[in-house]
Amino acid sequence: MKEGKEIPADWTGGFAEGSVELSDINEAAAAPGTKAKVEETIAALKAGTLKVFATDTFTVKGAKLDSYKADIDTDKDYTPDTEVISDGYFHESEKRSAPAFDLRIDGIELLNEK
């Protein structure tokens, strides 16, 4: 977009494609080592060695997920139709640009549930 080129309607990108950027870290306010850890994390995301939705980092209803169908080809009933877990992670925004992650991760409480 910033290069003035047209992109496909259902395209998404991340750090590796230059679609996601972080603003500078205020090192006077951040904890020591924050900048180095953020740079390490961005490098791992770009390299594909770190997955945001790695399924070995959370459980749903007490179980690790190795399969999950999401509603990618949206219909009026939002019917799950496409497998989105493979290679050990939930492939968020790889099948369509709109979010598909709708899982309730164990240990995360929503504000309206308190």
N, C-alpha and C. Protein backbone atom coordinates (compact mmCIF):
# COMPACT_ATOMS: atom_id res chain seq x y z
N MET A 1 0.83 -1.18 0.00
CA MET A 1 0.00 0.00 0.00
C MET A 1 0.88 1.25 0.00
N LYS A 2 1.89 1.27 0.87
CA LYS A 2 2.70 2.48 0.93
C LYS A 2 3.55 2.67 -0.33
N GLU A 3 3.73 1.61 -1.12
CA GLU A 3 4.45 1.71 -2.38
C GLU A 3 3.53 2.08 -3.54
N GLY A 4 2.22 2.21 -3.26
CA GLY A 4 1.27 2.58 -4.28
C GLY A 4 0.86 1.45 -5.21
N LYS A 5 1.19 0.20 -4.81
CA LYS A 5 0.84 -0.95 -5.64
C LYS A 5 -0.47 -1.56 -5.15
N GLU A 6 -1.24 -2.08 -6.09
CA GLU A 6 -2.48 -2.75 -5.74
C GLU A 6 -2.17 -4.10 -5.09
N ILE A 7 -2.94 -4.45 -4.07
CA ILE A 7 -2.78 -5.75 -3.44
C ILE A 7 -4.08 -6.54 -3.61
N PRO A 8 -4.00 -7.88 -3.63
CA PRO A 8 -5.23 -8.67 -3.76
C PRO A 8 -6.19 -8.39 -2.62
N ALA A 9 -7.47 -8.57 -2.86
CA ALA A 9 -8.51 -8.26 -1.87
C ALA A 9 -8.40 -9.12 -0.62
N ASP A 10 -7.93 -10.34 -0.73
CA ASP A 10 -7.87 -11.23 0.43
C ASP A 10 -6.42 -11.57 0.78
N TRP A 11 -5.57 -10.58 0.78
CA TRP A 11 -4.15 -10.74 1.09
C TRP A 11 -3.87 -10.27 2.50
N THR A 12 -2.91 -10.90 3.13
CA THR A 12 -2.47 -10.45 4.44
C THR A 12 -0.97 -10.65 4.56
N GLY A 13 -0.33 -9.88 5.38
CA GLY A 13 1.11 -10.01 5.58
C GLY A 13 1.48 -9.69 7.01
N GLY A 14 2.72 -9.93 7.33
CA GLY A 14 3.21 -9.69 8.70
C GLY A 14 4.54 -8.96 8.68
N PHE A 15 5.37 -9.25 9.68
CA PHE A 15 6.68 -8.60 9.77
C PHE A 15 7.53 -8.89 8.54
N ALA A 16 7.55 -10.14 8.10
CA ALA A 16 8.41 -10.54 6.99
C ALA A 16 8.09 -9.77 5.71
N GLU A 17 6.82 -9.44 5.52
CA GLU A 17 6.42 -8.73 4.30
C GLU A 17 6.46 -7.21 4.48
N GLY A 18 6.78 -6.75 5.67
CA GLY A 18 6.80 -5.31 5.95
C GLY A 18 5.43 -4.73 6.22
N SER A 19 4.43 -5.60 6.44
CA SER A 19 3.06 -5.15 6.69
C SER A 19 2.82 -4.77 8.14
N VAL A 20 3.68 -5.26 9.01
CA VAL A 20 3.57 -4.97 10.44
C VAL A 20 4.88 -4.34 10.90
N GLU A 21 4.76 -3.28 11.65
CA GLU A 21 5.93 -2.60 12.20
C GLU A 21 5.62 -2.17 13.62
N LEU A 22 6.64 -2.05 14.44
CA LEU A 22 6.48 -1.51 15.79
C LEU A 22 7.15 -0.15 15.86
N SER A 23 6.56 0.74 16.62
CA SER A 23 7.20 2.04 16.83
C SER A 23 8.39 1.86 17.76
N ASP A 24 9.21 2.87 17.86
CA ASP A 24 10.40 2.80 18.71
C ASP A 24 10.02 2.55 20.16
N ILE A 25 10.92 1.89 20.87
CA ILE A 25 10.71 1.59 22.29
C ILE A 25 11.30 2.72 23.11
N ASN A 26 10.55 3.22 24.06
CA ASN A 26 11.05 4.24 24.97
C ASN A 26 11.92 3.53 26.01
N GLU A 27 13.22 3.48 25.74
CA GLU A 27 14.13 2.73 26.61
C GLU A 27 14.25 3.35 28.00
N ALA A 28 13.84 4.59 28.16
CA ALA A 28 13.85 5.21 29.50
C ALA A 28 12.73 4.64 30.37
N ALA A 29 11.67 4.15 29.73
CA ALA A 29 10.52 3.63 30.48
C ALA A 29 10.44 2.11 30.47
N ALA A 30 11.02 1.47 29.44
CA ALA A 30 10.93 0.01 29.31
C ALA A 30 11.90 -0.69 30.24
N ALA A 31 11.56 -1.90 30.60
CA ALA A 31 12.43 -2.72 31.45
C ALA A 31 13.74 -3.01 30.71
N PRO A 32 14.82 -3.17 31.45
CA PRO A 32 16.09 -3.51 30.80
C PRO A 32 15.94 -4.79 29.97
N GLY A 33 16.52 -4.79 28.78
CA GLY A 33 16.46 -5.96 27.91
C GLY A 33 15.25 -6.02 27.00
N THR A 34 14.31 -5.09 27.17
CA THR A 34 13.09 -5.11 26.36
C THR A 34 13.40 -4.98 24.88
N LYS A 35 14.22 -4.01 24.52
CA LYS A 35 14.52 -3.78 23.10
C LYS A 35 15.15 -5.02 22.47
N ALA A 36 16.09 -5.63 23.16
CA ALA A 36 16.76 -6.83 22.62
C ALA A 36 15.77 -7.98 22.46
N LYS A 37 14.86 -8.16 23.42
CA LYS A 37 13.88 -9.24 23.34
C LYS A 37 12.89 -9.00 22.21
N VAL A 38 12.47 -7.75 22.03
CA VAL A 38 11.55 -7.42 20.94
C VAL A 38 12.24 -7.68 19.60
N GLU A 39 13.49 -7.27 19.46
CA GLU A 39 14.22 -7.50 18.21
C GLU A 39 14.39 -9.00 17.94
N GLU A 40 14.68 -9.78 18.99
CA GLU A 40 14.80 -11.24 18.87
C GLU A 40 13.47 -11.86 18.42
N THR A 41 12.39 -11.40 19.00
CA THR A 41 11.07 -11.92 18.67
C THR A 41 10.68 -11.58 17.24
N ILE A 42 10.92 -10.35 16.81
CA ILE A 42 10.62 -9.95 15.43
C ILE A 42 11.44 -10.78 14.45
N ALA A 43 12.71 -11.00 14.75
CA ALA A 43 13.56 -11.81 13.87
C ALA A 43 13.02 -13.23 13.75
N ALA A 44 12.54 -13.81 14.86
CA ALA A 44 11.98 -15.16 14.84
C ALA A 44 10.67 -15.21 14.06
N LEU A 45 9.85 -14.17 14.20
CA LEU A 45 8.60 -14.11 13.42
C LEU A 45 8.90 -14.01 11.93
N LYS A 46 9.86 -13.17 11.57
CA LYS A 46 10.24 -13.02 10.16
C LYS A 46 10.80 -14.32 9.59
N ALA A 47 11.58 -15.02 10.40
CA ALA A 47 12.20 -16.27 9.95
C ALA A 47 11.21 -17.44 9.93
N GLY A 48 10.05 -17.25 10.57
CA GLY A 48 9.07 -18.31 10.61
C GLY A 48 9.33 -19.35 11.70
N THR A 49 10.26 -19.07 12.60
CA THR A 49 10.59 -20.01 13.67
C THR A 49 9.73 -19.81 14.91
N LEU A 50 9.00 -18.72 14.97
CA LEU A 50 8.08 -18.45 16.07
C LEU A 50 6.69 -18.23 15.47
N LYS A 51 5.73 -18.96 15.98
CA LYS A 51 4.35 -18.85 15.51
C LYS A 51 3.50 -18.28 16.65
N VAL A 52 2.76 -17.23 16.38
CA VAL A 52 1.93 -16.58 17.40
C VAL A 52 0.93 -17.56 17.99
N PHE A 53 0.34 -18.40 17.15
CA PHE A 53 -0.70 -19.32 17.61
C PHE A 53 -0.19 -20.76 17.64
N ALA A 54 1.03 -20.97 18.15
CA ALA A 54 1.58 -22.32 18.28
C ALA A 54 0.71 -23.11 19.26
N THR A 55 0.22 -24.25 18.83
CA THR A 55 -0.74 -25.01 19.64
C THR A 55 -0.12 -25.72 20.83
N ASP A 56 1.19 -25.71 20.95
CA ASP A 56 1.80 -26.28 22.15
C ASP A 56 1.91 -25.25 23.28
N THR A 57 1.41 -24.04 23.04
CA THR A 57 1.49 -22.99 24.06
C THR A 57 0.16 -22.73 24.76
N PHE A 58 -0.91 -23.43 24.36
CA PHE A 58 -2.21 -23.22 25.00
C PHE A 58 -3.06 -24.48 24.89
N THR A 59 -4.10 -24.52 25.72
CA THR A 59 -5.09 -25.60 25.64
C THR A 59 -6.48 -24.98 25.56
N VAL A 60 -7.43 -25.78 25.07
CA VAL A 60 -8.83 -25.39 25.00
C VAL A 60 -9.63 -26.52 25.63
N LYS A 61 -10.37 -26.20 26.69
CA LYS A 61 -11.12 -27.21 27.45
C LYS A 61 -10.21 -28.34 27.91
N GLY A 62 -8.99 -27.95 28.33
CA GLY A 62 -8.04 -28.90 28.88
C GLY A 62 -7.27 -29.72 27.87
N ALA A 63 -7.47 -29.49 26.60
CA ALA A 63 -6.81 -30.31 25.59
C ALA A 63 -5.98 -29.46 24.62
N LYS A 64 -4.87 -30.03 24.18
CA LYS A 64 -4.08 -29.42 23.12
C LYS A 64 -4.81 -29.68 21.80
N LEU A 65 -4.85 -28.72 20.94
CA LEU A 65 -5.55 -28.87 19.66
C LEU A 65 -4.60 -29.34 18.57
N ASP A 66 -5.05 -30.32 17.79
CA ASP A 66 -4.30 -30.71 16.61
C ASP A 66 -5.18 -30.63 15.36
N SER A 67 -6.43 -30.20 15.58
CA SER A 67 -7.35 -30.03 14.47
C SER A 67 -8.40 -28.99 14.86
N TYR A 68 -8.76 -28.13 13.91
CA TYR A 68 -9.83 -27.16 14.15
C TYR A 68 -10.30 -26.63 12.81
N LYS A 69 -11.59 -26.65 12.61
CA LYS A 69 -12.16 -26.08 11.39
C LYS A 69 -12.72 -24.70 11.69
N ALA A 70 -12.37 -23.76 10.85
CA ALA A 70 -12.85 -22.38 10.97
C ALA A 70 -13.75 -22.07 9.78
N ASP A 71 -14.58 -21.06 9.95
CA ASP A 71 -15.46 -20.60 8.87
C ASP A 71 -14.67 -19.67 7.96
N ILE A 72 -14.09 -20.22 6.93
CA ILE A 72 -13.30 -19.43 5.98
C ILE A 72 -14.15 -19.00 4.80
N ASP A 73 -14.93 -19.92 4.26
CA ASP A 73 -15.85 -19.59 3.16
C ASP A 73 -17.19 -19.20 3.78
N THR A 74 -17.26 -18.00 4.30
CA THR A 74 -18.38 -17.55 5.11
C THR A 74 -19.73 -17.76 4.44
N ASP A 75 -20.61 -18.35 5.22
CA ASP A 75 -22.00 -18.48 4.82
C ASP A 75 -22.84 -17.86 5.92
N LYS A 76 -24.13 -17.76 5.72
CA LYS A 76 -24.99 -17.07 6.68
C LYS A 76 -25.01 -17.73 8.05
N ASP A 77 -24.68 -19.04 8.13
CA ASP A 77 -24.67 -19.74 9.41
C ASP A 77 -23.27 -19.83 10.01
N TYR A 78 -22.26 -19.25 9.33
CA TYR A 78 -20.87 -19.29 9.79
C TYR A 78 -20.42 -20.72 10.07
N THR A 79 -20.65 -21.60 9.12
CA THR A 79 -20.33 -23.01 9.25
C THR A 79 -18.82 -23.25 9.13
N PRO A 80 -18.22 -23.91 10.12
CA PRO A 80 -16.79 -24.26 10.00
C PRO A 80 -16.57 -25.14 8.78
N ASP A 81 -15.60 -24.78 7.92
CA ASP A 81 -15.43 -25.49 6.66
C ASP A 81 -13.99 -25.77 6.26
N THR A 82 -13.03 -25.18 6.97
CA THR A 82 -11.64 -25.30 6.53
C THR A 82 -10.73 -25.61 7.72
N GLU A 83 -9.89 -26.64 7.57
CA GLU A 83 -8.92 -27.00 8.61
C GLU A 83 -7.87 -25.89 8.69
N VAL A 84 -7.64 -25.37 9.89
CA VAL A 84 -6.70 -24.27 10.05
C VAL A 84 -5.54 -24.59 10.99
N ILE A 85 -5.49 -25.81 11.52
CA ILE A 85 -4.35 -26.21 12.34
C ILE A 85 -3.55 -27.27 11.59
N SER A 86 -2.28 -26.98 11.40
CA SER A 86 -1.33 -27.93 10.84
C SER A 86 0.07 -27.46 11.20
N ASP A 87 1.02 -28.33 11.11
CA ASP A 87 2.41 -27.98 11.42
C ASP A 87 2.58 -27.38 12.81
N GLY A 88 1.66 -27.72 13.74
CA GLY A 88 1.79 -27.27 15.12
C GLY A 88 1.29 -25.87 15.42
N TYR A 89 0.56 -25.28 14.50
CA TYR A 89 0.01 -23.95 14.81
C TYR A 89 -1.29 -23.67 14.05
N PHE A 90 -2.05 -22.74 14.61
CA PHE A 90 -3.28 -22.24 14.01
C PHE A 90 -2.88 -21.24 12.93
N HIS A 91 -3.27 -21.51 11.70
CA HIS A 91 -2.87 -20.68 10.56
C HIS A 91 -3.79 -19.46 10.42
N GLU A 92 -3.69 -18.56 11.37
CA GLU A 92 -4.51 -17.34 11.37
C GLU A 92 -4.19 -16.48 10.16
N SER A 93 -5.23 -16.06 9.49
CA SER A 93 -5.15 -15.14 8.34
C SER A 93 -4.36 -15.69 7.16
N GLU A 94 -4.14 -16.99 7.10
CA GLU A 94 -3.46 -17.57 5.94
C GLU A 94 -4.46 -18.04 4.89
N LYS A 95 -5.68 -18.30 5.29
CA LYS A 95 -6.71 -18.77 4.36
C LYS A 95 -7.61 -17.62 3.89
N ARG A 96 -7.67 -16.56 4.66
CA ARG A 96 -8.40 -15.33 4.31
C ARG A 96 -7.84 -14.21 5.18
N SER A 97 -8.04 -12.98 4.78
CA SER A 97 -7.46 -11.86 5.52
C SER A 97 -8.23 -11.53 6.79
N ALA A 98 -9.49 -11.88 6.87
CA ALA A 98 -10.28 -11.63 8.08
C ALA A 98 -9.90 -12.63 9.17
N PRO A 99 -9.93 -12.22 10.43
CA PRO A 99 -9.57 -13.14 11.52
C PRO A 99 -10.48 -14.36 11.57
N ALA A 100 -9.90 -15.49 11.94
CA ALA A 100 -10.65 -16.74 12.08
C ALA A 100 -10.51 -17.31 13.48
N PHE A 101 -9.52 -16.85 14.25
CA PHE A 101 -9.26 -17.41 15.58
C PHE A 101 -10.39 -17.01 16.52
N ASP A 102 -11.17 -18.00 16.93
CA ASP A 102 -12.30 -17.74 17.82
C ASP A 102 -12.31 -18.71 19.00
N LEU A 103 -11.15 -19.25 19.32
CA LEU A 103 -11.04 -20.22 20.40
C LEU A 103 -11.02 -19.56 21.77
N ARG A 104 -11.54 -20.25 22.76
CA ARG A 104 -11.51 -19.80 24.15
C ARG A 104 -10.35 -20.51 24.84
N ILE A 105 -9.22 -19.85 24.94
CA ILE A 105 -8.01 -20.43 25.52
C ILE A 105 -8.17 -20.57 27.02
N ASP A 106 -7.82 -21.75 27.55
CA ASP A 106 -7.90 -21.98 28.99
C ASP A 106 -7.07 -20.96 29.75
N GLY A 107 -7.62 -20.47 30.85
CA GLY A 107 -6.91 -19.54 31.72
C GLY A 107 -7.10 -18.08 31.39
N ILE A 108 -7.74 -17.78 30.29
CA ILE A 108 -8.00 -16.39 29.92
C ILE A 108 -9.45 -16.09 30.25
N GLU A 109 -9.65 -15.14 31.14
CA GLU A 109 -11.00 -14.75 31.53
C GLU A 109 -11.40 -13.47 30.81
N LEU A 110 -12.58 -13.45 30.25
CA LEU A 110 -13.10 -12.25 29.62
C LEU A 110 -13.65 -11.32 30.68
N LEU A 111 -13.58 -10.04 30.46
CA LEU A 111 -14.04 -9.06 31.45
C LEU A 111 -15.49 -9.28 31.85
N ASN A 112 -16.33 -9.63 30.90
CA ASN A 112 -17.75 -9.79 31.21
C ASN A 112 -18.05 -11.12 31.92
N GLU A 113 -17.03 -11.93 32.17
CA GLU A 113 -17.23 -13.21 32.88
C GLU A 113 -16.91 -13.11 34.35
N LYS A 114 -16.44 -11.98 34.81
CA LYS A 114 -16.05 -11.82 36.22
C LYS A 114 -17.25 -11.54 37.10
